[in-house]
Amino acid sequence: MAVDVTVYTREDCHLCEDVLATVERVGDDYDLDVAVVDVDDDPELREAYGERVPYVFVDGTPKFKYRVSEDALRDAIEHAEQ
């Protein structure tokens, strides 16, 4: 069963690019359903997140803000799979 990973981002965000690259690398080893959401496309999301992106949810739970290590993401995914 795939684990849902949602990454809230915005354009021209270097931290977002770093987090997405980490998600992609880790995703090579897991069955992930990754959704990338640009907060600037939705006024409510833009209001809710402001400049606080990237924000990563794993299995519907907020897990990481701004940065994520491969080890921490792997741990969150493995706990979600249980």
Protein backbone atom coordinates (compact mmCIF):
# COMPACT_ATOMS: atom_id res chain seq x y z
CA MET A 1 0.00 0.00 0.00
CA ALA A 2 1.40 3.38 -1.00
CA VAL A 3 2.19 5.99 1.61
CA ASP A 4 0.84 9.46 0.85
CA VAL A 5 3.43 12.23 0.89
CA THR A 6 2.28 15.79 0.28
CA VAL A 7 4.78 18.60 -0.20
CA TYR A 8 3.51 22.18 0.00
CA THR A 9 5.78 24.39 -2.10
CA ARG A 10 5.99 27.56 -4.14
CA GLU A 11 7.91 28.64 -7.21
CA ASP A 12 11.48 29.90 -6.88
CA CYS A 13 11.94 28.23 -3.47
CA HIS A 14 15.37 26.63 -3.12
CA LEU A 15 14.39 24.82 0.08
CA CYS A 16 11.39 23.37 -1.78
CA GLU A 17 13.68 22.08 -4.52
CA ASP A 18 15.95 20.45 -1.91
CA VAL A 19 13.02 18.76 -0.16
CA LEU A 20 11.53 17.53 -3.44
CA ALA A 21 14.90 16.04 -4.42
CA THR A 22 15.05 14.23 -1.07
CA VAL A 23 11.51 12.91 -1.50
CA GLU A 24 12.40 11.69 -4.99
CA ARG A 25 15.56 9.89 -3.80
CA VAL A 26 13.76 8.23 -0.88
CA GLY A 27 10.80 7.41 -3.11
CA ASP A 28 13.03 5.13 -5.16
CA ASP A 29 12.98 2.72 -2.18
CA TYR A 30 9.31 2.98 -1.15
CA ASP A 31 5.84 2.89 -2.68
CA LEU A 32 4.90 6.56 -2.35
CA ASP A 33 1.98 8.55 -3.68
CA VAL A 34 3.55 12.03 -3.87
CA ALA A 35 1.48 15.18 -4.31
CA VAL A 36 3.19 18.52 -4.86
CA VAL A 37 0.97 21.49 -4.03
CA ASP A 38 1.91 25.07 -4.91
CA VAL A 39 0.45 27.18 -2.09
CA ASP A 40 0.34 30.24 -4.34
CA ASP A 41 -2.32 28.55 -6.50
CA ASP A 42 -4.85 28.67 -3.65
CA PRO A 43 -5.52 31.84 -1.59
CA GLU A 44 -6.46 29.77 1.48
CA LEU A 45 -3.24 27.75 1.33
CA ARG A 46 -1.20 30.90 0.71
CA GLU A 47 -2.81 32.43 3.81
CA ALA A 48 -2.29 29.28 5.89
CA TYR A 49 1.34 28.64 4.94
CA GLY A 50 2.64 32.07 3.95
CA GLU A 51 6.41 31.77 3.66
CA ARG A 52 6.49 28.54 5.72
CA VAL A 53 7.27 26.19 2.88
CA PRO A 54 8.25 23.58 2.12
CA TYR A 55 5.95 21.72 4.43
CA VAL A 56 5.83 17.92 4.22
CA PHE A 57 2.93 15.73 5.30
CA VAL A 58 3.35 11.96 5.54
CA ASP A 59 0.17 9.91 5.58
CA GLY A 60 -1.86 13.05 6.29
CA THR A 61 0.25 14.15 9.28
CA PRO A 62 2.52 17.21 9.22
CA LYS A 63 6.07 15.96 9.67
CA PHE A 64 8.64 18.40 8.33
CA LYS A 65 8.95 22.12 7.74
CA TYR A 66 11.72 23.76 5.69
CA ARG A 67 14.10 20.78 5.58
CA VAL A 68 14.03 17.00 5.76
CA SER A 69 16.84 14.48 5.89
CA GLU A 70 16.62 11.19 4.04
CA ASP A 71 16.86 9.26 7.31
CA ALA A 72 14.06 11.23 8.97
CA LEU A 73 11.82 10.83 5.92
CA ARG A 74 12.52 7.10 5.76
CA ASP A 75 11.63 6.79 9.44
CA ALA A 76 8.34 8.68 8.96
CA ILE A 77 7.43 6.52 5.95
CA GLU A 78 8.22 3.29 7.76
CA HIS A 79 6.07 4.31 10.71
CA ALA A 80 3.22 5.21 8.35
CA GLU A 81 3.43 1.79 6.70
CA GLN A 82 2.81 -0.03 9.99
